[in-house]
Amino acid sequence: MSTNNVIATSRLTLAYDDGKKEIIKNASFRVGRGEFVFITGPSGSGKSTLLKSLYGALVPKSGSLVVGGFDMGNISHGRLQTLRSNMGIIFQDYKLINEWTVEKNVVLPLIIAGYSIDIQKTQAQKLLRHVKLSEHAERFPLELSGGEQQRVGVARALSRNPFLILADEPTGNLDEYSSNVIWDLMENACAQLGSTIVVVTHRIPTIFNIPYRHLIIENKGIYEVN
């Protein structure tokens, strides 16, 4: 794989039910460093399935899938953990720890990686300021609105300055204000940090301030939209 490619696939096939139900078939595409990519398609077309394969929750049935230099069809548990520790994942259902404060949720990746309390605190303050939730640092997720919880999820995904951010419908159920905050954050992560960002969504935002690519999943294939 070229060093400029963060994701490279060749004739990728993804399936469930022990390989009997093919969701994506013989798809080939590449995503370069620092690119922002939207992936759209009808409900049930395989958008979330593709995203799962990119962070190792689904092993390819056939073909090649390389993410960050790792062969996802033949990756050890240890190497998968290494890969995930250097990417950020934003889930539609937030996946926050309800018993932990907002601040502690944000720095979960830093806790896992063994960073000092001082570094955790500094990074949490910076990120909560970016997502406009500084005043909620000591509150708990269930005390926040859905939009606020998703903004915590985005802050957590950014906490280790990841080389790759994967987002599954990050603004699907959010109000306009929270959606705009999230898109601004992700634009900045791409433009300023150089992170590669792949977003699965039903709808690309009407106002987007940086260049992006658009891939669509149709009839089990993945195609570039120009």
Protein backbone atom coordinates (compact mmCIF):
# COMPACT_ATOMS: atom_id res chain seq x y z
CA MET A 1 0.00 0.00 0.00
CA SER A 2 1.26 3.45 -0.79
CA THR A 3 2.31 5.42 2.29
CA ASN A 4 -0.15 8.07 1.15
CA ASN A 5 -3.08 5.70 1.57
CA VAL A 6 -4.68 5.31 4.98
CA ILE A 7 -7.30 2.89 3.62
CA ALA A 8 -6.89 0.65 0.58
CA THR A 9 -9.29 -2.04 -0.60
CA SER A 10 -9.23 -4.41 -3.53
CA ARG A 11 -12.23 -6.57 -4.48
CA LEU A 12 -13.44 -6.35 -0.88
CA THR A 13 -16.40 -8.54 0.06
CA LEU A 14 -18.13 -8.22 3.45
CA ALA A 15 -20.76 -10.65 4.66
CA TYR A 16 -22.82 -11.82 7.65
CA ASP A 17 -24.39 -15.18 8.53
CA ASP A 18 -21.13 -17.10 8.17
CA GLY A 19 -20.51 -15.54 4.79
CA LYS A 20 -23.86 -16.42 3.26
CA LYS A 21 -25.31 -12.90 3.20
CA GLU A 22 -23.02 -10.65 1.19
CA ILE A 23 -23.46 -6.96 2.01
CA ILE A 24 -20.61 -5.48 -0.05
CA LYS A 25 -19.08 -7.36 -2.99
CA ASN A 26 -15.87 -6.86 -4.96
CA ALA A 27 -15.46 -3.21 -3.91
CA SER A 28 -12.21 -1.33 -4.53
CA PHE A 29 -11.36 2.17 -3.30
CA ARG A 30 -8.62 4.12 -1.55
CA VAL A 31 -8.56 6.94 0.98
CA GLY A 32 -5.46 9.09 1.22
CA ARG A 33 -3.89 10.85 4.18
CA GLY A 34 -5.75 13.95 5.30
CA GLU A 35 -8.80 13.32 3.12
CA PHE A 36 -12.38 13.89 4.26
CA VAL A 37 -14.73 11.26 2.84
CA PHE A 38 -18.50 11.03 3.09
CA ILE A 39 -20.09 7.63 2.49
CA THR A 40 -23.80 7.62 1.65
CA GLY A 41 -26.31 5.06 0.43
CA PRO A 42 -29.82 3.77 1.09
CA SER A 43 -30.72 2.31 4.48
CA GLY A 44 -29.43 -1.25 4.67
CA SER A 45 -26.92 -0.73 1.86
CA GLY A 46 -23.93 -1.57 4.05
CA LYS A 47 -22.62 1.79 5.27
CA SER A 48 -22.27 0.76 8.92
CA THR A 49 -21.02 -2.67 7.86
CA LEU A 50 -18.19 -1.05 5.93
CA LEU A 51 -17.33 1.14 8.91
CA LYS A 52 -17.18 -1.92 11.18
CA SER A 53 -14.67 -3.53 8.87
CA LEU A 54 -12.47 -0.43 9.02
CA TYR A 55 -12.03 -0.73 12.79
CA GLY A 56 -11.85 -4.51 12.85
CA ALA A 57 -15.30 -5.43 14.16
CA LEU A 58 -15.98 -7.40 10.98
CA VAL A 59 -13.39 -9.48 9.13
CA PRO A 60 -13.54 -9.38 5.32
CA LYS A 61 -14.98 -12.47 3.64
CA SER A 62 -12.60 -12.02 0.72
CA GLY A 63 -10.48 -9.45 -1.05
CA SER A 64 -8.02 -7.06 0.53
CA LEU A 65 -8.58 -4.40 3.20
CA VAL A 66 -5.58 -2.50 4.57
CA VAL A 67 -6.05 0.22 7.21
CA GLY A 68 -3.10 2.20 8.53
CA GLY A 69 -0.74 -0.38 7.06
CA PHE A 70 -2.48 -3.33 8.75
CA ASP A 71 -4.09 -6.18 6.81
CA MET A 72 -7.57 -6.34 8.38
CA GLY A 73 -8.15 -9.84 7.07
CA ASN A 74 -5.22 -11.19 9.05
CA ILE A 75 -4.55 -8.94 12.02
CA SER A 76 -3.61 -10.13 15.50
CA HIS A 77 -5.51 -8.96 18.57
CA GLY A 78 -2.50 -6.98 19.76
CA ARG A 79 -2.03 -5.17 16.46
CA LEU A 80 -5.75 -4.45 16.25
CA GLN A 81 -5.59 -2.82 19.69
CA THR A 82 -2.61 -0.76 18.54
CA LEU A 83 -4.50 0.37 15.44
CA ARG A 84 -7.64 1.28 17.38
CA SER A 85 -5.65 3.23 19.96
CA ASN A 86 -4.53 5.55 17.17
CA MET A 87 -7.93 6.12 15.61
CA GLY A 88 -11.05 7.88 16.83
CA ILE A 89 -14.47 6.29 16.49
CA ILE A 90 -17.72 8.26 16.80
CA PHE A 91 -20.82 6.13 17.31
CA GLN A 92 -24.40 7.14 16.61
CA ASP A 93 -25.45 5.89 20.06
CA TYR A 94 -22.55 7.73 21.81
CA LYS A 95 -21.26 4.71 23.83
CA LEU A 96 -20.39 6.85 26.84
CA ILE A 97 -19.83 5.40 30.31
CA ASN A 98 -22.79 6.72 32.29
CA GLU A 99 -21.10 6.24 35.67
CA TRP A 100 -18.17 8.45 34.66
CA THR A 101 -18.10 12.23 34.50
CA VAL A 102 -18.02 14.02 31.16
CA GLU A 103 -14.37 14.90 31.71
CA LYS A 104 -13.40 11.29 32.43
CA ASN A 105 -15.31 10.05 29.37
CA VAL A 106 -13.39 12.47 27.17
CA VAL A 107 -10.01 11.19 28.32
CA LEU A 108 -10.85 7.46 28.26
CA PRO A 109 -8.34 6.81 25.43
CA LEU A 110 -5.65 8.64 27.44
CA ILE A 111 -6.47 6.58 30.54
CA ILE A 112 -6.14 3.35 28.55
CA ALA A 113 -2.83 4.54 27.09
CA GLY A 114 -1.45 5.38 30.53
CA TYR A 115 -1.08 9.15 30.21
CA SER A 116 -0.52 11.16 33.38
CA ILE A 117 -3.36 12.85 35.25
CA ASP A 118 -1.93 16.27 34.33
CA ILE A 119 -1.99 15.49 30.61
CA GLN A 120 -5.50 14.05 30.91
CA LYS A 121 -6.72 17.17 32.68
CA THR A 122 -5.11 19.55 30.18
CA GLN A 123 -6.46 17.69 27.16
CA ALA A 124 -9.94 17.38 28.67
CA GLN A 125 -10.13 21.12 29.35
CA LYS A 126 -9.00 21.96 25.81
CA LEU A 127 -11.41 19.54 24.14
CA LEU A 128 -14.40 20.47 26.29
CA ARG A 129 -13.74 24.09 25.42
CA HIS A 130 -13.75 23.16 21.72
CA VAL A 131 -17.07 21.32 22.00
CA LYS A 132 -18.52 24.15 24.14
CA LEU A 133 -19.12 21.96 27.19
CA SER A 134 -16.54 23.29 29.67
CA GLU A 135 -19.22 23.99 32.27
CA HIS A 136 -20.38 20.36 32.15
CA ALA A 137 -17.04 18.70 32.95
CA GLU A 138 -18.21 17.27 36.29
CA ARG A 139 -21.68 16.25 35.13
CA PHE A 140 -22.64 12.75 33.96
CA PRO A 141 -23.75 11.74 30.46
CA LEU A 142 -27.40 11.12 31.38
CA GLU A 143 -27.62 14.70 32.66
CA LEU A 144 -26.90 15.96 29.14
CA SER A 145 -29.02 16.24 26.01
CA GLY A 146 -28.40 13.88 23.09
CA GLY A 147 -26.56 16.60 21.21
CA GLU A 148 -24.33 17.31 24.19
CA GLN A 149 -23.59 13.59 24.64
CA GLN A 150 -22.54 13.31 21.02
CA ARG A 151 -20.25 16.30 21.42
CA VAL A 152 -18.61 14.46 24.34
CA GLY A 153 -18.21 11.48 22.01
CA VAL A 154 -16.51 13.65 19.40
CA ALA A 155 -14.19 15.16 22.02
CA ARG A 156 -13.25 11.64 23.16
CA ALA A 157 -12.53 10.59 19.56
CA LEU A 158 -10.15 13.55 19.18
CA SER A 159 -8.35 13.09 22.50
CA ARG A 160 -5.24 11.38 21.08
CA ASN A 161 -5.01 13.40 17.86
CA PRO A 162 -5.86 10.28 15.80
CA PHE A 163 -4.56 9.65 12.29
CA LEU A 164 -8.01 8.30 11.31
CA ILE A 165 -11.50 9.22 12.53
CA LEU A 166 -14.47 7.01 11.68
CA ALA A 167 -17.96 8.39 12.31
CA ASP A 168 -21.28 6.58 12.03
CA GLU A 169 -24.14 9.06 11.46
CA PRO A 170 -22.56 11.51 13.93
CA THR A 171 -25.33 14.11 13.56
CA GLY A 172 -28.24 11.85 12.65
CA ASN A 173 -30.49 12.70 15.59
CA LEU A 174 -29.07 16.04 16.67
CA ASP A 175 -30.32 19.60 16.73
CA GLU A 176 -28.86 22.11 14.30
CA TYR A 177 -26.57 23.75 16.87
CA SER A 178 -24.92 20.49 17.96
CA SER A 179 -24.67 19.33 14.35
CA ASN A 180 -22.86 22.51 13.36
CA VAL A 181 -20.46 22.22 16.31
CA ILE A 182 -19.62 18.65 15.32
CA TRP A 183 -19.07 19.43 11.63
CA ASP A 184 -16.83 22.38 12.59
CA LEU A 185 -14.77 20.15 14.88
CA MET A 186 -14.34 17.50 12.23
CA GLU A 187 -13.43 20.03 9.56
CA ASN A 188 -10.77 21.43 11.90
CA ALA A 189 -9.43 17.95 12.74
CA CYS A 190 -8.97 17.29 9.04
CA ALA A 191 -7.60 20.72 8.09
CA GLN A 192 -5.42 21.41 11.15
CA LEU A 193 -4.43 17.99 12.53
CA GLY A 194 -4.27 16.29 9.14
CA SER A 195 -6.53 13.48 10.34
CA THR A 196 -8.19 11.33 7.69
CA ILE A 197 -11.94 11.34 8.30
CA VAL A 198 -14.53 8.88 7.01
CA VAL A 199 -18.17 9.71 7.79
CA VAL A 200 -21.15 7.47 7.13
CA THR A 201 -24.25 9.63 6.75
CA HIS A 202 -27.65 9.78 5.11
CA ARG A 203 -27.13 13.42 4.22
CA ILE A 204 -24.04 15.48 3.50
CA PRO A 205 -24.26 18.91 5.20
CA THR A 206 -25.30 21.71 2.85
CA ILE A 207 -22.54 23.98 4.16
CA PHE A 208 -19.11 22.39 4.33
CA ASN A 209 -15.96 24.46 4.24
CA ILE A 210 -13.19 22.08 3.17
CA PRO A 211 -12.76 19.82 0.13
CA TYR A 212 -14.24 16.33 0.46
CA ARG A 213 -14.85 13.15 -1.48
CA HIS A 214 -18.18 11.37 -1.78
CA LEU A 215 -18.49 7.59 -2.02
CA ILE A 216 -21.87 5.91 -2.44
CA ILE A 217 -22.82 2.29 -1.69
CA GLU A 218 -25.27 0.87 -4.21
CA ASN A 219 -26.12 -2.71 -5.15
CA LYS A 220 -23.25 -4.03 -2.97
CA GLY A 221 -20.69 -1.84 -4.80
CA ILE A 222 -18.84 1.31 -3.70
CA TYR A 223 -18.57 4.12 -6.24
CA GLU A 224 -17.04 7.60 -6.36
CA VAL A 225 -19.45 10.49 -6.91
CA ASN A 226 -17.89 13.37 -8.82
